[in-house]
Amino acid sequence: MIKSYGSYASEILEGREAQENDKNEIQSIDPLQVATHHLQTPDTYHTKSKGTNVMLGASNCLRVGRFEDNLINASINGATLEKIDQCLGAAFENHRVKSNGSNVGKVIISLGTNDLSENKHDSDQVNVYATQAIVKVKQAFPNADIGVCGNIPRKGNSNHIHTINETATHVNKFLEKLCLKDEVLTYIDVDNIFTKNDNVDKALYEKTDSSRVHITIEGAQTIRVKIRKFLHPKMLSVQNTPRPCDTKRKLSVISLTPMSAEKDSKQSRQGSSDEHE
């Protein structure tokens, strides 16, 4: 039975359905192009805003926690992209979020794992849910920059896990391309930190978790690092930039011997004296 995809989702799926039904002379519609069209941000829409930040996620985001004072973690166990309204409602229940959401500076969407469980053979359906969810977040928080997290893989070697991870890869590629086409969106590649040498890093997952997707404290900390890079890109770049004194120290140690440094200093003073003469 065909699911209800929403007002424009049928266009996203038209190409796939055409191929499945073997209809003649029907060209496939690029889902990324259609989604981008519906997500286009008018020039008058977006203004930078500093204030509260919001995280919309499921159980793994509850493990990530509330790691900053101005962060509202509106994550809910079992939350999905399809029903992101539940997370949005939890965010607006917080007293620091105004009714129009205008004081929210950045929003992190970290959903999709549970959607993949229900649609493990259908990346198109998850892409539809993701696109619709982003539209709702834009409407709820009109001044916010939006970070879209990739879906982390599941550990295990069963056919079931392999299918879900394969579909997750397709969805993540779609989300990454979508974020490149919209200045309001940023792709947060948390999915990459859960793989090691092309294999899932089992150390970052709970050993006794039957779903094989729930993360450990260490796994949650690695996600925090990625999210902080999205929340504070300028601060992190400043922290990684050497201070002037550090640069001078490195130059004197690496590039100049004590004798050559003294010689250069004397030449500099001599040159300065000649200029004044």
C-alpha atoms as a PDB file:
ATOM      1  CA  MET A   1       0.000   0.000   0.000  1.00  0.00           C
ATOM      2  CA  ILE A   2       1.337   3.442  -0.920  1.00  0.00           C
ATOM      3  CA  LYS A   3       2.076   5.691   2.052  1.00  0.00           C
ATOM      4  CA  SER A   4       0.993   9.293   2.332  1.00  0.00           C
ATOM      5  CA  TYR A   5       4.021  11.314   1.291  1.00  0.00           C
ATOM      6  CA  GLY A   6       2.731  14.844   1.647  1.00  0.00           C
ATOM      7  CA  SER A   7       2.014  17.621  -0.808  1.00  0.00           C
ATOM      8  CA  TYR A   8       5.185  17.403  -2.871  1.00  0.00           C
ATOM      9  CA  ALA A   9       6.706  14.077  -1.913  1.00  0.00           C
ATOM     10  CA  SER A  10       5.000  12.301  -4.782  1.00  0.00           C
ATOM     11  CA  GLU A  11       7.196  14.294  -7.140  1.00  0.00           C
ATOM     12  CA  ILE A  12      10.306  13.033  -5.374  1.00  0.00           C
ATOM     13  CA  LEU A  13       9.212   9.449  -5.849  1.00  0.00           C
ATOM     14  CA  GLU A  14       7.841   9.848  -9.373  1.00  0.00           C
ATOM     15  CA  GLY A  15      11.037   8.763 -11.090  1.00  0.00           C
ATOM     16  CA  ARG A  16      11.363   5.594  -9.050  1.00  0.00           C
ATOM     17  CA  GLU A  17       7.708   4.638  -9.511  1.00  0.00           C
ATOM     18  CA  ALA A  18       7.984   5.235 -13.239  1.00  0.00           C
ATOM     19  CA  GLN A  19      10.857   2.792 -13.480  1.00  0.00           C
ATOM     20  CA  GLU A  20       9.103   0.223 -11.331  1.00  0.00           C
ATOM     21  CA  ASN A  21       5.975   0.410 -13.484  1.00  0.00           C
ATOM     22  CA  ASP A  22       8.035   0.407 -16.686  1.00  0.00           C
ATOM     23  CA  LYS A  23       6.198   3.384 -18.119  1.00  0.00           C
ATOM     24  CA  ASN A  24       7.408   4.502 -21.520  1.00  0.00           C
ATOM     25  CA  GLU A  25       8.903   7.932 -22.238  1.00  0.00           C
ATOM     26  CA  ILE A  26       8.779   9.075 -18.591  1.00  0.00           C
ATOM     27  CA  GLN A  27      11.958  10.678 -17.331  1.00  0.00           C
ATOM     28  CA  SER A  28      13.155  10.201 -13.755  1.00  0.00           C
ATOM     29  CA  ILE A  29      12.988  13.278 -11.577  1.00  0.00           C
ATOM     30  CA  ASP A  30      16.066  13.987  -9.480  1.00  0.00           C
ATOM     31  CA  PRO A  31      14.872  13.844  -5.837  1.00  0.00           C
ATOM     32  CA  LEU A  32      17.639  16.188  -4.719  1.00  0.00           C
ATOM     33  CA  GLN A  33      16.566  18.829  -7.220  1.00  0.00           C
ATOM     34  CA  VAL A  34      12.931  18.582  -6.162  1.00  0.00           C
ATOM     35  CA  ALA A  35      13.771  18.691  -2.457  1.00  0.00           C
ATOM     36  CA  THR A  36      16.080  21.682  -2.935  1.00  0.00           C
ATOM     37  CA  HIS A  37      13.312  23.525  -4.773  1.00  0.00           C
ATOM     38  CA  HIS A  38      10.976  23.115  -1.816  1.00  0.00           C
ATOM     39  CA  LEU A  39      13.669  24.061   0.685  1.00  0.00           C
ATOM     40  CA  GLN A  40      14.835  27.206  -1.082  1.00  0.00           C
ATOM     41  CA  THR A  41      15.381  30.051   1.337  1.00  0.00           C
ATOM     42  CA  PRO A  42      14.240  33.520   0.147  1.00  0.00           C
ATOM     43  CA  ASP A  43      16.831  36.295   0.500  1.00  0.00           C
ATOM     44  CA  THR A  44      14.648  38.031   3.077  1.00  0.00           C
ATOM     45  CA  TYR A  45      14.167  34.901   5.133  1.00  0.00           C
ATOM     46  CA  HIS A  46      17.388  34.425   7.029  1.00  0.00           C
ATOM     47  CA  THR A  47      19.053  36.775   9.502  1.00  0.00           C
ATOM     48  CA  LYS A  48      21.827  35.713  11.846  1.00  0.00           C
ATOM     49  CA  SER A  49      20.699  35.424  15.434  1.00  0.00           C
ATOM     50  CA  LYS A  50      22.469  34.685  18.704  1.00  0.00           C
ATOM     51  CA  GLY A  51      20.514  33.110  21.513  1.00  0.00           C
ATOM     52  CA  THR A  52      19.243  29.732  22.526  1.00  0.00           C
ATOM     53  CA  ASN A  53      20.314  26.611  20.630  1.00  0.00           C
ATOM     54  CA  VAL A  54      18.068  23.574  20.208  1.00  0.00           C
ATOM     55  CA  MET A  55      18.789  19.894  19.605  1.00  0.00           C
ATOM     56  CA  LEU A  56      16.081  17.667  18.143  1.00  0.00           C
ATOM     57  CA  GLY A  57      16.931  13.993  18.406  1.00  0.00           C
ATOM     58  CA  ALA A  58      16.082  10.560  19.748  1.00  0.00           C
ATOM     59  CA  SER A  59      17.594   8.269  22.393  1.00  0.00           C
ATOM     60  CA  ASN A  60      21.225   8.726  21.377  1.00  0.00           C
ATOM     61  CA  CYS A  61      20.868  12.498  21.700  1.00  0.00           C
ATOM     62  CA  LEU A  62      19.546  11.973  25.219  1.00  0.00           C
ATOM     63  CA  ARG A  63      22.890  10.270  25.857  1.00  0.00           C
ATOM     64  CA  VAL A  64      24.681  13.287  24.389  1.00  0.00           C
ATOM     65  CA  GLY A  65      22.867  15.350  27.041  1.00  0.00           C
ATOM     66  CA  ARG A  66      22.682  19.075  27.657  1.00  0.00           C
ATOM     67  CA  PHE A  67      26.345  20.019  27.474  1.00  0.00           C
ATOM     68  CA  GLU A  68      25.931  23.809  27.215  1.00  0.00           C
ATOM     69  CA  ASP A  69      23.921  26.246  29.313  1.00  0.00           C
ATOM     70  CA  ASN A  70      22.057  27.759  26.359  1.00  0.00           C
ATOM     71  CA  LEU A  71      21.272  24.408  24.718  1.00  0.00           C
ATOM     72  CA  ILE A  72      17.782  22.952  24.881  1.00  0.00           C
ATOM     73  CA  ASN A  73      17.953  19.206  24.329  1.00  0.00           C
ATOM     74  CA  ALA A  74      14.438  18.473  23.083  1.00  0.00           C
ATOM     75  CA  SER A  75      15.199  14.842  22.252  1.00  0.00           C
ATOM     76  CA  ILE A  76      12.670  12.068  22.845  1.00  0.00           C
ATOM     77  CA  ASN A  77      13.099   8.300  22.975  1.00  0.00           C
ATOM     78  CA  GLY A  78      11.858   6.798  19.727  1.00  0.00           C
ATOM     79  CA  ALA A  79      11.548  10.168  17.956  1.00  0.00           C
ATOM     80  CA  THR A  80      11.485  10.211  14.154  1.00  0.00           C
ATOM     81  CA  LEU A  81      11.824  12.624  11.258  1.00  0.00           C
ATOM     82  CA  GLU A  82       8.286  11.715  10.280  1.00  0.00           C
ATOM     83  CA  LYS A  83       6.955  12.918  13.642  1.00  0.00           C
ATOM     84  CA  ILE A  84       9.414  15.707  14.377  1.00  0.00           C
ATOM     85  CA  ASP A  85       6.477  17.773  15.694  1.00  0.00           C
ATOM     86  CA  GLN A  86       6.884  15.895  18.992  1.00  0.00           C
ATOM     87  CA  CYS A  87      10.436  17.203  19.421  1.00  0.00           C
ATOM     88  CA  LEU A  88       9.419  20.687  18.310  1.00  0.00           C
ATOM     89  CA  GLY A  89       6.657  20.673  20.926  1.00  0.00           C
ATOM     90  CA  ALA A  90       9.160  19.670  23.601  1.00  0.00           C
ATOM     91  CA  ALA A  91      11.438  22.534  22.548  1.00  0.00           C
ATOM     92  CA  PHE A  92       8.654  25.125  22.745  1.00  0.00           C
ATOM     93  CA  GLU A  93       7.612  23.886  26.178  1.00  0.00           C
ATOM     94  CA  ASN A  94      10.930  25.170  27.464  1.00  0.00           C
ATOM     95  CA  HIS A  95      10.434  28.634  28.934  1.00  0.00           C
ATOM     96  CA  ARG A  96      13.478  30.077  27.154  1.00  0.00           C
ATOM     97  CA  VAL A  97      12.010  29.573  23.706  1.00  0.00           C
ATOM     98  CA  LYS A  98       9.684  32.378  22.647  1.00  0.00           C
ATOM     99  CA  SER A  99       6.425  31.496  20.977  1.00  0.00           C
ATOM    100  CA  ASN A 100       7.761  32.447  17.543  1.00  0.00           C
ATOM    101  CA  GLY A 101      11.157  30.800  17.973  1.00  0.00           C
ATOM    102  CA  SER A 102      12.948  33.985  16.872  1.00  0.00           C
ATOM    103  CA  ASN A 103      15.515  33.853  19.681  1.00  0.00           C
ATOM    104  CA  VAL A 104      16.885  30.472  18.579  1.00  0.00           C
ATOM    105  CA  GLY A 105      20.304  30.834  16.935  1.00  0.00           C
ATOM    106  CA  LYS A 106      21.056  27.266  15.879  1.00  0.00           C
ATOM    107  CA  VAL A 107      19.134  24.004  15.644  1.00  0.00           C
ATOM    108  CA  ILE A 108      20.605  20.512  15.419  1.00  0.00           C
ATOM    109  CA  ILE A 109      18.478  17.827  13.763  1.00  0.00           C
ATOM    110  CA  SER A 110      19.752  14.379  14.708  1.00  0.00           C
ATOM    111  CA  LEU A 111      16.937  12.083  13.627  1.00  0.00           C
ATOM    112  CA  GLY A 112      16.451   9.298  11.123  1.00  0.00           C
ATOM    113  CA  THR A 113      17.628   6.153  12.885  1.00  0.00           C
ATOM    114  CA  ASN A 114      14.110   5.115  13.812  1.00  0.00           C
ATOM    115  CA  ASP A 115      12.813   6.065  10.367  1.00  0.00           C
ATOM    116  CA  LEU A 116      15.422   3.744   8.873  1.00  0.00           C
ATOM    117  CA  SER A 117      14.167   0.898  11.042  1.00  0.00           C
ATOM    118  CA  GLU A 118      10.726   1.277   9.482  1.00  0.00           C
ATOM    119  CA  ASN A 119      11.998   1.931   5.939  1.00  0.00           C
ATOM    120  CA  LYS A 120      15.188  -0.095   5.672  1.00  0.00           C
ATOM    121  CA  HIS A 121      14.593  -0.795   1.970  1.00  0.00           C
ATOM    122  CA  ASP A 122      13.395   2.707   1.087  1.00  0.00           C
ATOM    123  CA  SER A 123      15.894   5.560   1.261  1.00  0.00           C
ATOM    124  CA  ASP A 124      13.535   7.745  -0.801  1.00  0.00           C
ATOM    125  CA  GLN A 125      10.921   7.603   1.924  1.00  0.00           C
ATOM    126  CA  VAL A 126      13.422   8.651   4.595  1.00  0.00           C
ATOM    127  CA  ASN A 127      14.624  11.473   2.325  1.00  0.00           C
ATOM    128  CA  VAL A 128      11.029  12.670   2.052  1.00  0.00           C
ATOM    129  CA  TYR A 129      10.644  12.666   5.827  1.00  0.00           C
ATOM    130  CA  ALA A 130      13.959  14.525   6.223  1.00  0.00           C
ATOM    131  CA  THR A 131      12.954  17.196   3.711  1.00  0.00           C
ATOM    132  CA  GLN A 132       9.579  17.707   5.362  1.00  0.00           C
ATOM    133  CA  ALA A 133      11.234  17.858   8.803  1.00  0.00           C
ATOM    134  CA  ILE A 134      13.667  20.555   7.670  1.00  0.00           C
ATOM    135  CA  VAL A 135      10.788  22.622   6.301  1.00  0.00           C
ATOM    136  CA  LYS A 136       9.039  22.427   9.680  1.00  0.00           C
ATOM    137  CA  VAL A 137      12.202  23.413  11.555  1.00  0.00           C
ATOM    138  CA  LYS A 138      12.684  26.409   9.260  1.00  0.00           C
ATOM    139  CA  GLN A 139       9.128  27.501   9.929  1.00  0.00           C
ATOM    140  CA  ALA A 140       9.464  27.014  13.687  1.00  0.00           C
ATOM    141  CA  PHE A 141      12.826  28.793  13.993  1.00  0.00           C
ATOM    142  CA  PRO A 142      12.944  31.410  11.211  1.00  0.00           C
ATOM    143  CA  ASN A 143      16.281  32.955  12.272  1.00  0.00           C
ATOM    144  CA  ALA A 144      18.204  29.779  12.961  1.00  0.00           C
ATOM    145  CA  ASP A 145      21.070  28.060  11.227  1.00  0.00           C
ATOM    146  CA  ILE A 146      20.282  24.349  10.999  1.00  0.00           C
ATOM    147  CA  GLY A 147      22.769  21.525  11.451  1.00  0.00           C
ATOM    148  CA  VAL A 148      21.676  18.179   9.994  1.00  0.00           C
ATOM    149  CA  CYS A 149      23.427  15.163  11.501  1.00  0.00           C
ATOM    150  CA  GLY A 150      24.120  12.077   9.441  1.00  0.00           C
ATOM    151  CA  ASN A 151      22.717   8.736  10.559  1.00  0.00           C
ATOM    152  CA  ILE A 152      25.267   6.632  12.402  1.00  0.00           C
ATOM    153  CA  PRO A 153      25.704   3.006  11.305  1.00  0.00           C
ATOM    154  CA  ARG A 154      24.639   0.020  13.369  1.00  0.00           C
ATOM    155  CA  LYS A 155      27.096  -2.600  14.556  1.00  0.00           C
ATOM    156  CA  GLY A 156      26.664  -6.179  13.426  1.00  0.00           C
ATOM    157  CA  ASN A 157      27.032  -8.425  10.399  1.00  0.00           C
ATOM    158  CA  SER A 158      23.497  -9.688   9.837  1.00  0.00           C
ATOM    159  CA  ASN A 159      21.666  -9.077   6.569  1.00  0.00           C
ATOM    160  CA  HIS A 160      19.190  -6.913   8.480  1.00  0.00           C
ATOM    161  CA  ILE A 161      21.944  -4.627   9.811  1.00  0.00           C
ATOM    162  CA  HIS A 162      23.700  -4.549   6.439  1.00  0.00           C
ATOM    163  CA  THR A 163      20.500  -3.433   4.703  1.00  0.00           C
ATOM    164  CA  ILE A 164      19.829  -0.647   7.221  1.00  0.00           C
ATOM    165  CA  ASN A 165      23.423   0.620   7.022  1.00  0.00           C
ATOM    166  CA  GLU A 166      23.340   0.603   3.239  1.00  0.00           C
ATOM    167  CA  THR A 167      20.123   2.624   3.219  1.00  0.00           C
ATOM    168  CA  ALA A 168      21.583   4.985   5.841  1.00  0.00           C
ATOM    169  CA  THR A 169      24.556   5.635   3.559  1.00  0.00           C
ATOM    170  CA  HIS A 170      22.229   6.629   0.713  1.00  0.00           C
ATOM    171  CA  VAL A 171      20.261   8.938   3.021  1.00  0.00           C
ATOM    172  CA  ASN A 172      23.425  10.557   4.383  1.00  0.00           C
ATOM    173  CA  LYS A 173      24.688  11.293   0.869  1.00  0.00           C
ATOM    174  CA  PHE A 174      21.339  12.875   0.039  1.00  0.00           C
ATOM    175  CA  LEU A 175      21.421  15.028   3.205  1.00  0.00           C
ATOM    176  CA  GLU A 176      24.994  16.124   2.591  1.00  0.00           C
ATOM    177  CA  LYS A 177      24.199  17.257  -0.950  1.00  0.00           C
ATOM    178  CA  LEU A 178      21.043  18.974   0.247  1.00  0.00           C
ATOM    179  CA  CYS A 179      22.986  20.951   2.850  1.00  0.00           C
ATOM    180  CA  LEU A 180      25.467  22.132   0.218  1.00  0.00           C
ATOM    181  CA  LYS A 181      22.622  23.707  -1.741  1.00  0.00           C
ATOM    182  CA  ASP A 182      21.193  25.784   1.142  1.00  0.00           C
ATOM    183  CA  GLU A 183      23.206  28.346   3.104  1.00  0.00           C
ATOM    184  CA  VAL A 184      21.027  27.835   6.174  1.00  0.00           C
ATOM    185  CA  LEU A 185      21.884  24.121   6.339  1.00  0.00           C
ATOM    186  CA  THR A 186      25.126  22.511   7.526  1.00  0.00           C
ATOM    187  CA  TYR A 187      25.853  18.801   7.336  1.00  0.00           C
ATOM    188  CA  ILE A 188      27.308  17.407  10.578  1.00  0.00           C
ATOM    189  CA  ASP A 189      29.105  14.189   9.676  1.00  0.00           C
ATOM    190  CA  VAL A 190      28.788  12.355  12.993  1.00  0.00           C
ATOM    191  CA  ASP A 191      28.381   9.147  10.999  1.00  0.00           C
ATOM    192  CA  ASN A 192      32.054   9.115  10.019  1.00  0.00           C
ATOM    193  CA  ILE A 193      33.343   9.030  13.585  1.00  0.00           C
ATOM    194  CA  PHE A 194      31.634   5.706  14.217  1.00  0.00           C
ATOM    195  CA  THR A 195      33.654   3.869  11.596  1.00  0.00           C
ATOM    196  CA  LYS A 196      37.259   2.737  11.824  1.00  0.00           C
ATOM    197  CA  ASN A 197      39.122   1.351   8.801  1.00  0.00           C
ATOM    198  CA  ASP A 198      35.780   1.087   6.955  1.00  0.00           C
ATOM    199  CA  ASN A 199      34.319  -0.971   9.813  1.00  0.00           C
ATOM    200  CA  VAL A 200      31.930   0.055  12.582  1.00  0.00           C
ATOM    201  CA  ASP A 201      33.836   0.968  15.745  1.00  0.00           C
ATOM    202  CA  LYS A 202      32.169  -1.382  18.218  1.00  0.00           C
ATOM    203  CA  ALA A 203      33.850   0.316  21.184  1.00  0.00           C
ATOM    204  CA  LEU A 204      31.504   3.305  20.757  1.00  0.00           C
ATOM    205  CA  TYR A 205      28.341   1.198  21.125  1.00  0.00           C
ATOM    206  CA  GLU A 206      26.686  -0.354  24.165  1.00  0.00           C
ATOM    207  CA  LYS A 207      27.582  -4.036  24.326  1.00  0.00           C
ATOM    208  CA  THR A 208      24.206  -5.241  25.591  1.00  0.00           C
ATOM    209  CA  ASP A 209      22.055  -3.157  23.233  1.00  0.00           C
ATOM    210  CA  SER A 210      19.860  -5.437  21.136  1.00  0.00           C
ATOM    211  CA  SER A 211      19.132  -2.714  18.558  1.00  0.00           C
ATOM    212  CA  ARG A 212      22.889  -2.343  17.971  1.00  0.00           C
ATOM    213  CA  VAL A 213      22.621   1.421  17.551  1.00  0.00           C
ATOM    214  CA  HIS A 214      22.779   2.911  21.060  1.00  0.00           C
ATOM    215  CA  ILE A 215      26.073   4.563  21.926  1.00  0.00           C
ATOM    216  CA  THR A 216      28.339   4.610  24.966  1.00  0.00           C
ATOM    217  CA  ILE A 217      29.478   7.639  26.963  1.00  0.00           C
ATOM    218  CA  GLU A 218      32.562   7.798  24.757  1.00  0.00           C
ATOM    219  CA  GLY A 219      30.350   7.713  21.675  1.00  0.00           C
ATOM    220  CA  ALA A 220      28.265  10.571  23.064  1.00  0.00           C
ATOM    221  CA  GLN A 221      31.402  12.617  23.720  1.00  0.00           C
ATOM    222  CA  THR A 222      32.551  12.265  20.129  1.00  0.00           C
ATOM    223  CA  ILE A 223      29.176  13.541  18.935  1.00  0.00           C
ATOM    224  CA  ARG A 224      29.472  16.522  21.281  1.00  0.00           C
ATOM    225  CA  VAL A 225      32.775  17.461  19.647  1.00  0.00           C
ATOM    226  CA  LYS A 226      31.170  17.480  16.196  1.00  0.00           C
ATOM    227  CA  ILE A 227      28.159  19.475  17.369  1.00  0.00           C
ATOM    228  CA  ARG A 228      30.362  22.035  19.123  1.00  0.00           C
ATOM    229  CA  LYS A 229      32.180  22.623  15.838  1.00  0.00           C
ATOM    230  CA  PHE A 230      28.824  23.547  14.339  1.00  0.00           C
ATOM    231  CA  LEU A 231      27.768  25.702  17.303  1.00  0.00           C
ATOM    232  CA  HIS A 232      31.091  27.544  17.694  1.00  0.00           C
ATOM    233  CA  PRO A 233      33.050  27.459  14.415  1.00  0.00           C
ATOM    234  CA  LYS A 234      34.762  30.819  15.015  1.00  0.00           C
ATOM    235  CA  MET A 235      35.748  30.042  18.590  1.00  0.00           C
ATOM    236  CA  LEU A 236      37.300  26.727  17.562  1.00  0.00           C
ATOM    237  CA  SER A 237      39.227  28.334  14.703  1.00  0.00           C
ATOM    238  CA  VAL A 238      40.619  30.922  17.119  1.00  0.00           C
ATOM    239  CA  GLN A 239      41.632  28.191  19.559  1.00  0.00           C
ATOM    240  CA  ASN A 240      43.463  26.348  16.787  1.00  0.00           C
ATOM    241  CA  THR A 241      45.272  29.486  15.577  1.00  0.00           C
ATOM    242  CA  PRO A 242      48.745  29.915  17.124  1.00  0.00           C
ATOM    243  CA  ARG A 243      49.208  32.996  19.263  1.00  0.00           C
ATOM    244  CA  PRO A 244      51.744  35.568  17.960  1.00  0.00           C
ATOM    245  CA  CYS A 245      54.163  34.727  20.773  1.00  0.00           C
ATOM    246  CA  ASP A 246      53.906  31.009  19.935  1.00  0.00           C
ATOM    247  CA  THR A 247      54.635  31.719  16.272  1.00  0.00           C
ATOM    248  CA  LYS A 248      57.688  33.815  17.110  1.00  0.00           C
ATOM    249  CA  ARG A 249      58.924  31.146  19.494  1.00  0.00           C
ATOM    250  CA  LYS A 250      58.570  28.432  16.870  1.00  0.00           C
ATOM    251  CA  LEU A 251      60.369  30.540  14.275  1.00  0.00           C
ATOM    252  CA  SER A 252      63.282  31.220  16.606  1.00  0.00           C
ATOM    253  CA  VAL A 253      63.587  27.566  17.517  1.00  0.00           C
ATOM    254  CA  ILE A 254      63.025  25.967  14.126  1.00  0.00           C
ATOM    255  CA  SER A 255      64.177  28.518  11.554  1.00  0.00           C
ATOM    256  CA  LEU A 256      66.950  30.403  13.320  1.00  0.00           C
ATOM    257  CA  THR A 257      69.969  29.294  15.314  1.00  0.00           C
ATOM    258  CA  PRO A 258      70.965  31.591  18.230  1.00  0.00           C
ATOM    259  CA  MET A 259      73.905  32.924  16.196  1.00  0.00           C
ATOM    260  CA  SER A 260      71.872  33.668  13.075  1.00  0.00           C
ATOM    261  CA  ALA A 261      69.123  35.233  15.164  1.00  0.00           C
ATOM    262  CA  GLU A 262      71.646  37.543  16.828  1.00  0.00           C
ATOM    263  CA  LYS A 263      73.126  38.402  13.441  1.00  0.00           C
ATOM    264  CA  ASP A 264      69.720  39.221  11.968  1.00  0.00           C
ATOM    265  CA  SER A 265      68.932  41.388  14.985  1.00  0.00           C
ATOM    266  CA  LYS A 266      72.134  43.391  14.545  1.00  0.00           C
ATOM    267  CA  GLN A 267      71.474  43.829  10.827  1.00  0.00           C
ATOM    268  CA  SER A 268      67.963  45.028  11.598  1.00  0.00           C
ATOM    269  CA  ARG A 269      69.214  47.615  14.062  1.00  0.00           C
ATOM    270  CA  GLN A 270      71.908  48.749  11.596  1.00  0.00           C
ATOM    271  CA  GLY A 271      69.354  49.100   8.826  1.00  0.00           C
ATOM    272  CA  SER A 272      67.101  51.137  11.072  1.00  0.00           C
ATOM    273  CA  SER A 273      69.985  53.440  11.967  1.00  0.00           C
ATOM    274  CA  ASP A 274      70.862  53.969   8.275  1.00  0.00           C
ATOM    275  CA  GLU A 275      67.269  54.918   7.485  1.00  0.00           C
ATOM    276  CA  HIS A 276      67.235  57.628  10.154  1.00  0.00           C
ATOM    277  CA  GLU A 277      70.492  59.038   8.805  1.00  0.00           C
END
